[in-house]
């Protein structure tokens, strides 16, 4: 049986009598600003999501994302309260390709070496996404992953 309080609260929400809290609206606007229009989203590869690195310590993680003919291999290292990302995109996305390594509050743009490698250091721990921009193609972005210290 439905609790009367919950039912009445649902009716108030449906009628628009309970305003959405300001912090919820602000968080929604912030999240909307992080979208990349027209981007293809690469999902974490099921077999390699959050695989431990080949290193012996627990400070490094390897994550693979695949979409639109590109594979993103990201090694994320944690240290001194910040994270570093060493990435490889294959096949090489071409001359003039760039990556944005993003957190909700910081974006670092890097050129991709002809080998497909890039590095971004000094990112805050938390949510992380990488976007590959290729001339003449739609951007390809990874899903957001949470990196905890």
N, C-alpha and C. Protein backbone atom coordinates (compact mmCIF):
# COMPACT_ATOMS: atom_id res chain seq x y z
N UNK A 1 0.84 -1.17 0.00
CA UNK A 1 0.00 0.00 0.00
C UNK A 1 0.89 1.25 0.00
N UNK A 2 0.51 2.25 -0.75
CA UNK A 2 1.27 3.48 -0.87
C UNK A 2 1.05 4.35 0.36
N UNK A 3 2.13 4.87 0.90
CA UNK A 3 2.07 5.78 2.04
C UNK A 3 1.42 7.08 1.58
N UNK A 4 0.47 7.60 2.36
CA UNK A 4 -0.25 8.83 2.00
C UNK A 4 0.70 10.02 1.83
N UNK A 5 1.73 10.11 2.67
CA UNK A 5 2.66 11.23 2.56
C UNK A 5 3.38 11.22 1.21
N UNK A 6 3.83 10.02 0.79
CA UNK A 6 4.51 9.91 -0.50
C UNK A 6 3.57 10.24 -1.65
N UNK A 7 2.34 9.77 -1.54
CA UNK A 7 1.36 10.04 -2.58
C UNK A 7 1.08 11.53 -2.69
N UNK A 8 0.89 12.20 -1.55
CA UNK A 8 0.65 13.65 -1.57
C UNK A 8 1.87 14.41 -2.09
N UNK A 9 3.07 13.97 -1.72
CA UNK A 9 4.28 14.61 -2.23
C UNK A 9 4.38 14.46 -3.74
N UNK A 10 4.03 13.29 -4.25
CA UNK A 10 4.06 13.07 -5.70
C UNK A 10 3.05 13.97 -6.40
N UNK A 11 1.86 14.14 -5.80
CA UNK A 11 0.86 15.04 -6.39
C UNK A 11 1.35 16.48 -6.40
N UNK A 12 2.01 16.92 -5.29
CA UNK A 12 2.54 18.29 -5.25
C UNK A 12 3.60 18.49 -6.32
N UNK A 13 4.49 17.49 -6.47
CA UNK A 13 5.52 17.60 -7.51
C UNK A 13 4.89 17.68 -8.89
N UNK A 14 3.90 16.83 -9.13
CA UNK A 14 3.22 16.82 -10.43
C UNK A 14 2.51 18.13 -10.72
N UNK A 15 2.01 18.78 -9.67
CA UNK A 15 1.30 20.04 -9.84
C UNK A 15 2.26 21.22 -9.89
N UNK A 16 3.56 20.97 -9.64
CA UNK A 16 4.53 22.04 -9.70
C UNK A 16 4.60 22.88 -8.44
N UNK A 17 4.09 22.39 -7.33
CA UNK A 17 4.09 23.17 -6.09
C UNK A 17 5.38 23.06 -5.32
N UNK A 18 6.18 22.05 -5.55
CA UNK A 18 7.47 21.90 -4.87
C UNK A 18 8.57 22.28 -5.84
N UNK A 19 9.22 23.41 -5.60
CA UNK A 19 10.28 23.82 -6.54
C UNK A 19 11.49 22.89 -6.43
N UNK A 20 12.20 22.78 -7.52
CA UNK A 20 13.44 22.01 -7.53
C UNK A 20 14.48 22.80 -6.76
N UNK A 21 15.20 22.16 -5.84
CA UNK A 21 16.22 22.90 -5.08
C UNK A 21 17.26 23.52 -6.00
N UNK A 22 17.74 24.69 -5.62
CA UNK A 22 18.70 25.43 -6.45
C UNK A 22 19.96 24.65 -6.74
N UNK A 23 20.49 23.89 -5.76
CA UNK A 23 21.72 23.13 -6.00
C UNK A 23 21.50 22.01 -7.02
N UNK A 24 20.28 21.47 -7.09
CA UNK A 24 19.99 20.42 -8.07
C UNK A 24 19.97 21.04 -9.47
N UNK A 25 19.32 22.19 -9.61
CA UNK A 25 19.29 22.88 -10.91
C UNK A 25 20.69 23.28 -11.35
N UNK A 26 21.51 23.77 -10.43
CA UNK A 26 22.88 24.18 -10.75
C UNK A 26 23.72 22.98 -11.20
N UNK A 27 23.57 21.86 -10.50
CA UNK A 27 24.31 20.65 -10.89
C UNK A 27 23.89 20.17 -12.28
N UNK A 28 22.60 20.26 -12.58
CA UNK A 28 22.11 19.86 -13.90
C UNK A 28 22.68 20.77 -15.00
N UNK A 29 22.73 22.07 -14.74
CA UNK A 29 23.31 23.00 -15.73
C UNK A 29 24.80 22.73 -15.93
N UNK A 30 25.52 22.47 -14.83
CA UNK A 30 26.95 22.15 -14.94
C UNK A 30 27.18 20.89 -15.76
N UNK A 31 26.37 19.87 -15.52
CA UNK A 31 26.50 18.62 -16.27
C UNK A 31 26.18 18.84 -17.75
N UNK A 32 25.18 19.65 -18.04
CA UNK A 32 24.81 19.92 -19.43
C UNK A 32 25.94 20.62 -20.18
N UNK A 33 26.67 21.50 -19.50
CA UNK A 33 27.78 22.21 -20.13
C UNK A 33 28.93 21.27 -20.52
N UNK A 34 29.00 20.10 -19.92
CA UNK A 34 30.08 19.15 -20.21
C UNK A 34 29.83 18.31 -21.47
N UNK A 35 28.66 18.42 -22.06
CA UNK A 35 28.36 17.64 -23.25
C UNK A 35 29.23 18.08 -24.42
N UNK A 36 29.46 17.17 -25.35
CA UNK A 36 30.21 17.47 -26.57
C UNK A 36 29.23 17.23 -27.72
N UNK A 37 28.71 18.30 -28.33
CA UNK A 37 27.71 18.14 -29.39
C UNK A 37 28.25 17.26 -30.53
N UNK A 38 27.39 16.39 -31.02
CA UNK A 38 27.67 15.52 -32.18
C UNK A 38 28.72 14.44 -31.89
N UNK A 39 29.12 14.27 -30.64
CA UNK A 39 30.17 13.30 -30.32
C UNK A 39 29.63 11.88 -30.30
N UNK A 40 30.50 10.96 -30.69
CA UNK A 40 30.26 9.53 -30.56
C UNK A 40 30.85 9.12 -29.21
N UNK A 41 30.15 8.33 -28.43
CA UNK A 41 30.63 7.96 -27.10
C UNK A 41 31.22 6.56 -27.11
N UNK A 42 32.47 6.47 -26.65
CA UNK A 42 33.16 5.19 -26.52
C UNK A 42 32.91 4.65 -25.12
N UNK A 43 32.42 3.44 -25.05
CA UNK A 43 32.16 2.81 -23.76
C UNK A 43 33.39 2.03 -23.31
N UNK A 44 33.48 1.84 -22.00
CA UNK A 44 34.58 1.04 -21.46
C UNK A 44 34.47 -0.37 -22.01
N UNK A 45 35.59 -0.90 -22.46
CA UNK A 45 35.65 -2.25 -22.99
C UNK A 45 35.41 -3.21 -21.84
N UNK A 46 34.43 -4.08 -21.97
CA UNK A 46 33.99 -4.93 -20.85
C UNK A 46 35.11 -5.76 -20.23
N UNK A 47 36.01 -6.28 -21.04
CA UNK A 47 37.04 -7.16 -20.52
C UNK A 47 38.20 -6.43 -19.87
N UNK A 48 38.32 -5.13 -20.12
CA UNK A 48 39.48 -4.43 -19.58
C UNK A 48 39.15 -3.25 -18.69
N UNK A 49 37.89 -3.05 -18.37
CA UNK A 49 37.53 -1.92 -17.52
C UNK A 49 38.19 -2.06 -16.15
N UNK A 50 38.91 -1.04 -15.78
CA UNK A 50 39.62 -0.94 -14.51
C UNK A 50 40.55 -2.12 -14.23
N UNK A 51 41.30 -2.53 -15.23
CA UNK A 51 42.34 -3.54 -15.03
C UNK A 51 43.50 -2.87 -14.31
N UNK A 52 44.11 -3.55 -13.40
CA UNK A 52 45.30 -3.03 -12.74
C UNK A 52 46.43 -2.95 -13.75
N UNK A 53 47.27 -1.99 -13.56
CA UNK A 53 48.42 -1.81 -14.43
C UNK A 53 49.41 -2.95 -14.25
N UNK A 54 50.38 -3.01 -15.16
CA UNK A 54 51.43 -4.01 -15.05
C UNK A 54 52.42 -3.66 -13.95
N UNK A 55 52.31 -2.45 -13.43
CA UNK A 55 53.18 -2.05 -12.32
C UNK A 55 52.78 -2.80 -11.06
N UNK A 56 53.68 -2.86 -10.10
CA UNK A 56 53.43 -3.60 -8.87
C UNK A 56 52.63 -2.84 -7.83
N UNK A 57 52.41 -1.54 -8.04
CA UNK A 57 51.72 -0.78 -7.00
C UNK A 57 50.23 -0.65 -7.32
N UNK A 58 49.49 -0.12 -6.36
CA UNK A 58 48.05 0.07 -6.53
C UNK A 58 47.69 1.47 -7.00
N UNK A 59 48.67 2.26 -7.39
CA UNK A 59 48.40 3.65 -7.74
C UNK A 59 48.08 3.85 -9.21
N UNK A 60 48.03 2.78 -9.99
CA UNK A 60 47.84 2.90 -11.43
C UNK A 60 46.73 1.97 -11.91
N UNK A 61 45.90 2.49 -12.84
CA UNK A 61 44.80 1.71 -13.41
C UNK A 61 44.83 1.85 -14.92
N UNK A 62 44.44 0.80 -15.62
CA UNK A 62 44.35 0.82 -17.07
C UNK A 62 42.90 0.63 -17.46
N UNK A 63 42.40 1.52 -18.33
CA UNK A 63 41.03 1.43 -18.81
C UNK A 63 41.05 1.54 -20.33
N UNK A 64 40.27 0.69 -20.99
CA UNK A 64 40.17 0.72 -22.46
C UNK A 64 38.75 1.09 -22.86
N UNK A 65 38.64 1.99 -23.86
CA UNK A 65 37.37 2.40 -24.43
C UNK A 65 37.43 2.16 -25.92
N UNK A 66 36.29 1.76 -26.51
CA UNK A 66 36.25 1.46 -27.94
C UNK A 66 34.99 2.07 -28.56
N UNK A 67 35.15 2.75 -29.70
CA UNK A 67 34.01 3.26 -30.49
C UNK A 67 34.53 3.89 -31.76
N UNK A 68 33.67 3.90 -32.78
CA UNK A 68 33.92 4.62 -34.03
C UNK A 68 35.28 4.28 -34.64
N UNK A 69 35.71 3.03 -34.52
CA UNK A 69 36.98 2.61 -35.11
C UNK A 69 38.20 3.04 -34.32
N UNK A 70 38.02 3.62 -33.14
CA UNK A 70 39.15 4.05 -32.31
C UNK A 70 39.17 3.27 -31.00
N UNK A 71 40.36 3.01 -30.52
CA UNK A 71 40.55 2.40 -29.21
C UNK A 71 41.35 3.36 -28.35
N UNK A 72 40.82 3.67 -27.17
CA UNK A 72 41.50 4.53 -26.20
C UNK A 72 42.03 3.63 -25.09
N UNK A 73 43.33 3.63 -24.88
CA UNK A 73 43.92 2.97 -23.72
C UNK A 73 44.44 4.06 -22.81
N UNK A 74 43.92 4.11 -21.59
CA UNK A 74 44.29 5.14 -20.63
C UNK A 74 44.91 4.50 -19.40
N UNK A 75 46.10 4.92 -19.06
CA UNK A 75 46.70 4.51 -17.80
C UNK A 75 46.64 5.72 -16.88
N UNK A 76 45.90 5.56 -15.80
CA UNK A 76 45.68 6.64 -14.85
C UNK A 76 46.48 6.34 -13.60
N UNK A 77 47.36 7.28 -13.24
CA UNK A 77 48.22 7.11 -12.07
C UNK A 77 47.85 8.15 -11.03
N UNK A 78 47.74 7.71 -9.79
CA UNK A 78 47.39 8.59 -8.68
C UNK A 78 48.62 8.85 -7.83
N UNK A 79 48.80 10.10 -7.43
CA UNK A 79 49.91 10.42 -6.55
C UNK A 79 49.86 11.87 -6.11
N UNK A 80 50.23 12.12 -4.87
CA UNK A 80 50.25 13.47 -4.30
C UNK A 80 48.91 14.18 -4.43
N UNK A 81 47.81 13.43 -4.37
CA UNK A 81 46.48 14.03 -4.42
C UNK A 81 46.02 14.42 -5.81
N UNK A 82 46.81 14.14 -6.84
CA UNK A 82 46.44 14.46 -8.22
C UNK A 82 46.55 13.20 -9.08
N UNK A 83 45.99 13.27 -10.28
CA UNK A 83 46.10 12.13 -11.19
C UNK A 83 46.78 12.54 -12.49
N UNK A 84 47.49 11.60 -13.07
CA UNK A 84 48.14 11.76 -14.36
C UNK A 84 47.55 10.73 -15.32
N UNK A 85 47.41 11.12 -16.58
CA UNK A 85 46.86 10.23 -17.58
C UNK A 85 47.89 10.08 -18.70
N UNK A 86 48.29 8.83 -18.96
CA UNK A 86 49.11 8.50 -20.12
C UNK A 86 48.20 7.72 -21.06
N UNK A 87 47.96 8.26 -22.24
CA UNK A 87 47.00 7.64 -23.14
C UNK A 87 47.58 7.24 -24.47
N UNK A 88 46.88 6.31 -25.11
CA UNK A 88 47.23 5.86 -26.46
C UNK A 88 45.94 5.66 -27.23
N UNK A 89 45.84 6.29 -28.41
CA UNK A 89 44.68 6.13 -29.28
C UNK A 89 45.14 5.41 -30.53
N UNK A 90 44.45 4.32 -30.87
CA UNK A 90 44.80 3.59 -32.08
C UNK A 90 43.53 3.29 -32.88
N UNK A 91 43.65 3.27 -34.19
CA UNK A 91 44.83 3.71 -34.94
C UNK A 91 45.03 5.22 -34.78
N UNK A 92 46.22 5.67 -35.17
CA UNK A 92 46.54 7.09 -35.08
C UNK A 92 45.44 7.90 -35.77
N UNK A 93 44.83 8.86 -35.06
CA UNK A 93 43.69 9.58 -35.61
C UNK A 93 44.02 10.59 -36.71
N UNK A 94 45.28 10.80 -37.00
CA UNK A 94 45.65 11.67 -38.12
C UNK A 94 46.26 12.99 -37.70
N UNK A 95 46.92 13.62 -38.66
CA UNK A 95 47.56 14.91 -38.45
C UNK A 95 46.53 15.93 -38.00
N UNK A 96 46.87 16.71 -37.00
CA UNK A 96 45.98 17.75 -36.50
C UNK A 96 44.99 17.28 -35.45
N UNK A 97 45.03 16.00 -35.09
CA UNK A 97 44.12 15.50 -34.08
C UNK A 97 44.55 15.98 -32.69
N UNK A 98 43.57 16.26 -31.86
CA UNK A 98 43.81 16.72 -30.49
C UNK A 98 42.97 15.89 -29.53
N UNK A 99 43.39 15.84 -28.28
CA UNK A 99 42.56 15.25 -27.23
C UNK A 99 42.32 16.29 -26.15
N UNK A 100 41.14 16.23 -25.58
CA UNK A 100 40.81 16.99 -24.38
C UNK A 100 40.70 15.98 -23.25
N UNK A 101 41.52 16.14 -22.24
CA UNK A 101 41.41 15.32 -21.03
C UNK A 101 40.65 16.19 -20.04
N UNK A 102 39.44 15.73 -19.66
CA UNK A 102 38.51 16.59 -18.94
C UNK A 102 38.16 16.07 -17.56
N UNK A 103 38.04 17.00 -16.65
CA UNK A 103 37.38 16.77 -15.37
C UNK A 103 36.22 17.77 -15.38
N UNK A 104 35.30 17.70 -14.43
CA UNK A 104 34.20 18.66 -14.46
C UNK A 104 34.63 20.12 -14.37
N UNK A 105 35.85 20.39 -13.85
CA UNK A 105 36.26 21.78 -13.64
C UNK A 105 37.52 22.17 -14.39
N UNK A 106 38.11 21.24 -15.16
CA UNK A 106 39.38 21.51 -15.83
C UNK A 106 39.46 20.69 -17.11
N UNK A 107 39.91 21.31 -18.20
CA UNK A 107 40.15 20.60 -19.45
C UNK A 107 41.57 20.90 -19.90
N UNK A 108 42.33 19.84 -20.16
CA UNK A 108 43.68 19.97 -20.69
C UNK A 108 43.67 19.45 -22.13
N UNK A 109 44.05 20.31 -23.08
CA UNK A 109 44.09 19.93 -24.49
C UNK A 109 45.52 19.55 -24.86
N UNK A 110 45.67 18.41 -25.52
CA UNK A 110 46.98 17.89 -25.90
C UNK A 110 46.99 17.45 -27.35
N UNK A 111 48.14 17.63 -28.00
CA UNK A 111 48.34 17.07 -29.34
C UNK A 111 48.60 15.59 -29.20
N UNK A 112 48.21 14.85 -30.21
CA UNK A 112 48.45 13.41 -30.23
C UNK A 112 49.69 13.16 -31.07
N UNK A 113 50.68 12.47 -30.49
CA UNK A 113 51.91 12.15 -31.22
C UNK A 113 51.59 11.18 -32.37
N UNK A 114 52.44 11.14 -33.40
CA UNK A 114 52.22 10.21 -34.52
C UNK A 114 52.14 8.74 -34.07
N UNK A 115 52.61 8.45 -32.87
CA UNK A 115 52.50 7.09 -32.33
C UNK A 115 51.13 6.86 -31.68
N UNK A 116 50.33 7.94 -31.54
CA UNK A 116 49.02 7.84 -30.92
C UNK A 116 49.03 8.15 -29.43
N UNK A 117 50.19 8.52 -28.88
CA UNK A 117 50.33 8.76 -27.44
C UNK A 117 50.06 10.23 -27.06
N UNK A 118 49.61 10.42 -25.83
CA UNK A 118 49.45 11.74 -25.24
C UNK A 118 49.55 11.60 -23.73
N UNK A 119 49.83 12.72 -23.04
CA UNK A 119 49.97 12.73 -21.58
C UNK A 119 49.33 14.00 -21.04
N UNK A 120 48.63 13.86 -19.93
CA UNK A 120 48.09 15.01 -19.20
C UNK A 120 48.35 14.77 -17.72
N UNK A 121 48.91 15.76 -17.05
CA UNK A 121 49.27 15.58 -15.64
C UNK A 121 48.61 16.64 -14.77
N UNK A 122 48.52 16.33 -13.48
CA UNK A 122 48.04 17.29 -12.50
C UNK A 122 46.55 17.50 -12.47
N UNK A 123 45.77 16.49 -12.84
CA UNK A 123 44.32 16.60 -12.80
C UNK A 123 43.79 16.28 -11.40
N UNK A 124 42.69 16.90 -11.02
CA UNK A 124 42.13 16.58 -9.71
C UNK A 124 41.48 15.19 -9.75
N UNK A 125 41.50 14.47 -8.64
CA UNK A 125 40.81 13.18 -8.62
C UNK A 125 39.31 13.39 -8.76
N UNK A 126 38.63 12.39 -9.22
CA UNK A 126 37.19 12.48 -9.42
C UNK A 126 36.84 12.00 -10.81
N UNK A 127 35.90 12.66 -11.43
CA UNK A 127 35.40 12.25 -12.75
C UNK A 127 36.36 12.67 -13.85
N UNK A 128 36.51 11.79 -14.86
CA UNK A 128 37.45 11.99 -15.96
C UNK A 128 36.84 11.48 -17.26
N UNK A 129 37.06 12.22 -18.34
CA UNK A 129 36.65 11.81 -19.68
C UNK A 129 37.68 12.34 -20.66
N UNK A 130 37.84 11.63 -21.79
CA UNK A 130 38.78 12.05 -22.83
C UNK A 130 37.99 12.18 -24.14
N UNK A 131 38.26 13.27 -24.86
CA UNK A 131 37.60 13.52 -26.15
C UNK A 131 38.68 13.62 -27.22
N UNK A 132 38.52 12.86 -28.30
CA UNK A 132 39.44 12.93 -29.44
C UNK A 132 38.77 13.73 -30.55
N UNK A 133 39.45 14.80 -30.98
CA UNK A 133 38.97 15.65 -32.07
C UNK A 133 39.82 15.36 -33.30
N UNK A 134 39.18 14.84 -34.36
CA UNK A 134 39.86 14.54 -35.62
C UNK A 134 39.32 15.45 -36.71
N UNK A 135 40.20 16.08 -37.47
CA UNK A 135 39.71 16.93 -38.57
C UNK A 135 38.81 16.13 -39.51
N UNK A 136 37.64 16.69 -39.81
CA UNK A 136 36.73 16.06 -40.75
C UNK A 136 35.88 14.95 -40.19
N UNK A 137 35.96 14.68 -38.88
CA UNK A 137 35.17 13.62 -38.26
C UNK A 137 34.48 14.16 -37.01
N UNK A 138 33.43 13.46 -36.61
CA UNK A 138 32.77 13.81 -35.34
C UNK A 138 33.71 13.46 -34.19
N UNK A 139 33.67 14.24 -33.11
CA UNK A 139 34.51 13.91 -31.95
C UNK A 139 34.10 12.54 -31.37
N UNK A 140 35.06 11.89 -30.76
CA UNK A 140 34.80 10.63 -30.05
C UNK A 140 35.19 10.87 -28.60
N UNK A 141 34.25 10.60 -27.69
CA UNK A 141 34.51 10.84 -26.27
C UNK A 141 34.34 9.54 -25.50
N UNK A 142 35.11 9.41 -24.43
CA UNK A 142 34.93 8.27 -23.55
C UNK A 142 33.79 8.57 -22.59
N UNK A 143 33.21 7.54 -22.03
CA UNK A 143 32.27 7.76 -20.94
C UNK A 143 33.05 8.32 -19.77
N UNK A 144 32.36 8.89 -18.82
CA UNK A 144 33.01 9.43 -17.62
C UNK A 144 33.33 8.30 -16.69
N UNK A 145 34.55 8.31 -16.16
CA UNK A 145 34.96 7.33 -15.16
C UNK A 145 35.38 8.09 -13.90
N UNK A 146 35.16 7.47 -12.77
CA UNK A 146 35.53 8.12 -11.50
C UNK A 146 36.84 7.56 -11.00
N UNK A 147 37.79 8.46 -10.79
CA UNK A 147 39.11 8.09 -10.28
C UNK A 147 39.18 8.57 -8.84
N UNK A 148 39.32 7.64 -7.95
CA UNK A 148 39.38 7.97 -6.51
C UNK A 148 40.80 7.81 -6.00
N UNK A 149 41.21 8.73 -5.14
CA UNK A 149 42.56 8.60 -4.58
C UNK A 149 42.66 7.44 -3.60
